[in-house]
Structures are given as structure tokens and as C-alpha cells.
Protein backbone atom coordinates (compact mmCIF):
# COMPACT_ATOMS: atom_id res chain seq x y z
CA UNK A 1 -10.29 -14.24 -18.51
CA UNK A 2 -6.17 -13.44 -18.54
CA UNK A 3 -4.15 -12.82 -15.85
CA UNK A 4 -4.21 -9.58 -14.41
CA UNK A 5 -1.77 -7.41 -12.27
CA UNK A 6 -3.58 -5.22 -9.98
CA UNK A 7 -2.21 -2.55 -7.99
CA UNK A 8 -4.16 -1.00 -4.47
CA UNK A 9 -3.00 2.29 -3.19
CA UNK A 10 -2.71 3.27 0.59
CA UNK A 11 -5.55 1.48 2.58
CA UNK A 12 -4.69 3.20 5.68
CA UNK A 13 -6.79 1.34 7.90
CA UNK A 14 -9.98 2.06 5.63
CA UNK A 15 -11.48 -1.49 5.61
CA UNK A 16 -14.81 -0.56 4.25
CA UNK A 17 -12.82 1.02 1.35
CA UNK A 18 -10.66 -2.08 1.27
CA UNK A 19 -13.38 -4.59 0.89
CA UNK A 20 -15.36 -2.30 -1.73
CA UNK A 21 -12.45 -2.12 -3.96
CA UNK A 22 -12.22 -5.80 -3.87
CA UNK A 23 -15.86 -6.30 -4.57
CA UNK A 24 -15.34 -4.12 -7.97
CA UNK A 25 -12.15 -5.90 -8.78
CA UNK A 26 -13.40 -9.23 -8.45
CA UNK A 27 -10.03 -11.08 -8.26
CA UNK A 28 -9.75 -14.28 -9.63
CA UNK A 29 -7.24 -17.29 -8.81
CA UNK A 30 -5.05 -16.33 -11.52
CA UNK A 31 -4.68 -12.43 -11.02
CA UNK A 32 -1.79 -11.31 -8.34
CA UNK A 33 -2.88 -8.17 -6.43
CA UNK A 34 -0.18 -5.77 -5.18
CA UNK A 35 -0.97 -3.77 -2.12
CA UNK A 36 1.41 -0.66 -2.20
CA UNK A 37 1.88 -0.62 1.69
CA UNK A 38 0.72 1.92 4.06
CA UNK A 39 -2.13 -0.58 4.93
CA UNK A 40 -2.04 0.26 8.68
CA UNK A 41 -2.73 3.65 10.38
CA UNK A 42 -4.76 6.74 10.44
CA UNK A 43 -8.03 5.15 9.70
CA UNK A 44 -10.07 3.53 12.00
CA UNK A 45 -9.67 -0.37 10.84
CA UNK A 46 -6.08 -1.35 10.75
CA UNK A 47 -7.03 -4.57 12.39
CA UNK A 48 -9.56 -5.41 10.21
CA UNK A 49 -7.43 -4.52 6.94
CA UNK A 50 -4.79 -7.10 8.09
CA UNK A 51 -7.63 -9.50 8.59
CA UNK A 52 -9.00 -8.66 5.33
CA UNK A 53 -5.78 -9.48 3.37
CA UNK A 54 -5.07 -12.67 5.18
CA UNK A 55 -8.43 -13.66 3.96
CA UNK A 56 -7.73 -12.47 0.35
CA UNK A 57 -4.84 -14.65 0.03
CA UNK A 58 -7.62 -17.79 -0.41
CA UNK A 59 -8.57 -15.96 -3.50
CA UNK A 60 -5.60 -14.76 -5.63
CA UNK A 61 -2.17 -14.15 -5.60
CA UNK A 62 -1.52 -11.58 -2.78
CA UNK A 63 1.91 -9.48 -2.92
CA UNK A 64 1.81 -6.82 -0.09
CA UNK A 65 4.76 -4.45 0.00
CA UNK A 66 5.97 -2.70 3.12
CA UNK A 67 5.43 1.04 3.70
CA UNK A 68 7.14 3.42 6.05
CA UNK A 69 3.97 3.12 8.36
CA UNK A 70 4.00 -0.82 8.73
CA UNK A 71 7.86 -0.44 9.33
CA UNK A 72 6.98 1.91 12.07
CA UNK A 73 4.96 -0.67 13.47
CA UNK A 74 6.97 -3.23 13.67
CA UNK A 75 9.61 -0.79 14.99
CA UNK A 76 7.07 -0.40 17.70
CA UNK A 77 6.53 -3.66 18.21
CA UNK A 78 10.64 -4.75 18.46
CA UNK A 79 11.26 -1.76 20.55
CA UNK A 80 13.82 0.15 17.86
CA UNK A 81 14.35 3.51 17.40
CA UNK A 82 11.88 5.25 15.02
CA UNK A 83 12.75 7.83 12.29
CA UNK A 84 9.47 9.28 13.22
CA UNK A 85 6.88 9.27 15.78
CA UNK A 86 4.60 6.23 15.26
CA UNK A 87 1.91 7.54 17.76
CA UNK A 88 1.52 10.59 16.17
CA UNK A 89 1.76 9.32 12.43
CA UNK A 90 -1.20 7.23 12.81
CA UNK A 91 0.19 4.36 15.44
CA UNK A 92 -2.59 5.61 17.95
CA UNK A 93 -5.28 4.59 15.78
CA UNK A 94 -3.98 1.02 14.54
CA UNK A 95 -3.57 0.33 18.58
CA UNK A 96 -6.90 1.86 18.88
CA UNK A 97 -8.07 -0.72 16.43
CA UNK A 98 -6.58 -3.70 18.59
CA UNK A 99 -7.04 -2.58 22.12
CA UNK A 100 -9.06 0.06 23.73
CA UNK A 101 -5.77 0.54 25.92
CA UNK A 102 -3.45 1.07 23.05
CA UNK A 103 -1.42 -1.82 24.06
CA UNK A 104 1.13 -2.84 21.70
CA UNK A 105 1.20 -6.32 23.05
CA UNK A 106 -2.25 -6.63 21.77
CA UNK A 107 -1.61 -6.96 18.18
CA UNK A 108 -1.76 -10.69 17.05
CA UNK A 109 1.81 -12.60 16.39
CA UNK A 110 -0.02 -13.73 13.16
CA UNK A 111 -0.54 -10.28 12.15
CA UNK A 112 2.83 -8.92 12.87
CA UNK A 113 4.63 -12.37 11.01
CA UNK A 114 2.61 -11.76 8.03
CA UNK A 115 3.50 -7.92 8.22
CA UNK A 116 7.18 -8.94 8.22
CA UNK A 117 7.03 -11.10 5.28
CA UNK A 118 6.24 -8.29 3.01
CA UNK A 119 8.65 -7.32 0.35
CA UNK A 120 9.51 -4.18 -1.12
CA UNK A 121 9.39 -4.40 -4.69
CA UNK A 122 7.51 -6.42 -7.05
CA UNK A 123 8.09 -6.63 -10.97
CA UNK A 124 5.83 -7.71 -13.62
CA UNK A 125 6.82 -8.08 -17.24
CA UNK A 126 6.19 -4.22 -17.98
CA UNK A 127 5.61 -2.44 -14.30
CA UNK A 128 7.29 -2.80 -11.39
CA UNK A 129 5.47 -1.80 -7.94
CA UNK A 130 7.45 0.05 -4.99
CA UNK A 131 5.36 2.07 -1.91
CA UNK A 132 7.19 5.24 -2.26
CA UNK A 133 9.90 5.93 -5.05
CA UNK A 134 13.20 4.54 -6.56
CA UNK A 135 16.55 5.21 -7.79
CA UNK A 136 16.38 5.41 -11.53
CA UNK A 137 19.85 3.96 -12.25
CA UNK A 138 20.21 1.23 -9.75
CA UNK A 139 18.60 -2.36 -10.62
CA UNK A 140 15.55 -2.95 -8.75
CA UNK A 141 17.51 -5.76 -7.06
CA UNK A 142 19.98 -3.31 -5.45
CA UNK A 143 17.31 -0.53 -4.60
CA UNK A 144 17.89 0.99 -1.09
CA UNK A 145 15.03 0.16 1.01
CA UNK A 146 14.89 3.59 2.50
CA UNK A 147 14.21 4.99 -0.73
CA UNK A 148 11.34 2.26 -1.56
CA UNK A 149 9.45 3.02 1.75
CA UNK A 150 10.13 6.85 2.50
CA UNK A 151 11.18 8.95 -0.35
CA UNK A 152 8.38 11.41 -1.35
CA UNK A 153 7.51 12.28 -4.81
CA UNK A 154 7.25 15.89 -3.34
CA UNK A 155 11.50 16.32 -3.36
CA UNK A 156 11.79 15.10 -6.59
CA UNK A 157 10.18 12.75 -9.14
CA UNK A 158 12.83 10.44 -10.60
CA UNK A 159 13.59 9.52 -13.94
CA UNK A 160 12.53 6.56 -15.68
CA UNK A 161 14.02 3.42 -14.49
CA UNK A 162 17.01 1.88 -16.60
CA UNK A 163 14.82 -1.09 -16.78
CA UNK A 164 12.47 0.97 -19.25
CA UNK A 165 9.51 -0.65 -16.98
CA UNK A 166 6.90 1.59 -15.61
CA UNK A 167 6.65 2.35 -11.95
CA UNK A 168 3.76 2.17 -9.90
CA UNK A 169 3.70 3.98 -6.08
CA UNK A 170 1.77 4.95 -3.60
CA UNK A 171 3.13 7.10 -0.31
CA UNK A 172 2.87 10.39 -1.59
CA UNK A 173 -0.63 11.60 -1.28
CA UNK A 174 -2.33 13.24 -4.23
CA UNK A 175 -5.22 15.10 -2.11
CA UNK A 176 -7.05 16.31 -4.83
CA UNK A 177 -8.15 12.24 -5.51
CA UNK A 178 -6.43 12.52 -8.76
CA UNK A 179 -3.71 9.66 -10.39
CA UNK A 180 -0.66 11.17 -11.31
CA UNK A 181 0.39 9.28 -14.57
CA UNK A 182 3.63 10.43 -16.07
CA UNK A 183 3.86 7.63 -18.41
CA UNK A 184 6.86 6.50 -16.84
CA UNK A 185 5.45 6.80 -13.19
CA UNK A 186 1.83 6.16 -11.97
CA UNK A 187 1.07 7.05 -8.38
CA UNK A 188 -2.05 5.87 -6.83
CA UNK A 189 -2.39 7.19 -3.04
CA UNK A 190 -5.14 9.30 -3.58
CA UNK A 191 -6.10 10.25 0.32
CA UNK A 192 -8.24 7.39 0.95
CA UNK A 193 -8.37 8.29 4.79
CA UNK A 194 -8.31 11.90 4.61
CA UNK A 195 -11.45 12.25 2.29
CA UNK A 196 -10.08 11.19 -1.14
CA UNK A 197 -10.22 7.92 -2.69
CA UNK A 198 -8.79 4.72 -2.49
CA UNK A 199 -7.39 3.64 -5.88
CA UNK A 200 -6.72 0.34 -7.56
CA UNK A 201 -4.99 0.03 -11.17
CA UNK A 202 -4.86 -2.87 -13.45
CA UNK A 203 -1.60 -2.61 -14.68
CA UNK A 204 -2.52 -5.14 -17.35
CA UNK A 205 -4.87 -3.03 -18.93
CA UNK A 206 -5.13 0.57 -17.25
CA UNK A 207 -8.44 0.08 -15.77
CA UNK A 208 -8.52 1.94 -12.68
CA UNK A 209 -11.26 1.87 -9.70
CA UNK A 210 -11.92 4.38 -7.13
CA UNK A 211 -14.00 4.18 -4.00
CA UNK A 212 -14.31 6.87 -0.68
CA UNK A 213 -13.56 5.37 2.56
CA UNK A 214 -17.42 4.72 3.13
CA UNK A 215 -17.10 2.23 0.26
CA UNK A 216 -18.79 4.57 -2.52
CA UNK A 217 -17.74 3.87 -5.93
CA UNK A 218 -16.79 7.00 -7.88
CA UNK A 219 -18.63 7.93 -10.55
């Protein structure tokens, strides 16, 4: 089997869904898996999601990207000002998964150090991957991190990128559970935590997999 580059949409603390979709993908050592960020918050099992990702590094090349929810989590750990109220945006559920008293100090240093290592963009020969959006006329190496982590497609879909590569993004939740494929841009945040699906996309072949938050595959 040739190597694959597979993006995984916003997990949002749904560890059962993540385990199920990994079972469907069956990653091999030569594959690259790119979780698109927002792995934490809102769903019940953020701690377990991070533990699953840590274990997954032993099976394949894993390239998680930084989402706005990871940014807020790290801001809370560091005591930095927040662009949004992390507690109200799902941080309470994340802290509950670590400690019933919602203590930020209960987050293991191994987890926070791992999340700090996540980047904002990954490129393959034909695609690039960011959490939220991009600036079409700016080289990928010079994109603003705020755009890549925070910019919703609800406020405008960018034109094709100057590189000619296809963008694969998450962040903008598609509450009907259907992938948005515009040719030059594909969004795979299909609202898993809110009753939709967790989507994975093989950028090499175009194959997709979807499971709900209980891990049931979409037929």
C-alpha cells in the first residue's frame, strides 16, 4: 500500500469517535495523519483524546495542528488573556475530564508540552492543511496564525491559494454533517460533538470515513 495523507476533523473531546475512526483508517507506519485542531473542549473526553494521540504516534506519522481551542487551553495554563471565555467555550468539559474540581493544574505537563509542539500548517504535494482558514495571496510560510486558528468560513470563503494546492480545513462546523467541497477548499468539521459526525479525509484518494460520537459508522 502506498503512503496516505489523511486529515481528521474537529474531535472536540469525543474519544470514542476518534478511536472508531482510527480503527476504520487502519493507519500504517508510512501514513501521515493530520488532526486539524480543536481536539479538546466541549465533548466529555478531552484527556482521553490527547492520550489517544500520544499513543497514535507509535503507529504512523502524526501531525496535529493547533486550533483555537488548544490556544485557549494553553492561555488558561499560562494565565494569559483570552480572546474568548475558555470556560464557556468548552474548557469546563476539558477540565472535568482531568479533574472533578476543574483544576487547571491537573493537566499533566506531558499533555501541555505535547500540545505546545503542534504547528499551524502542514503541506503535502497537492494539499495544505490548517485549522480554520488562510490568506489566498500570502505564502503558507507567512500566513498569520490568527487566520489559521480563528477565521470562520461564515465570514467569507477565501479564493484559491496562490500555491495552487487544495486547502483542507476544520473549525467552521457544518451542522448538517456534510463535507463542504468547493474544489479549492474542503471543510471537514462535521459537528461530531453536537450530534453530527467525525470526518476523516484521505487527501491522496478522496476517500472519506464518518462516525458519530458513539463510534457508529455512517452508512
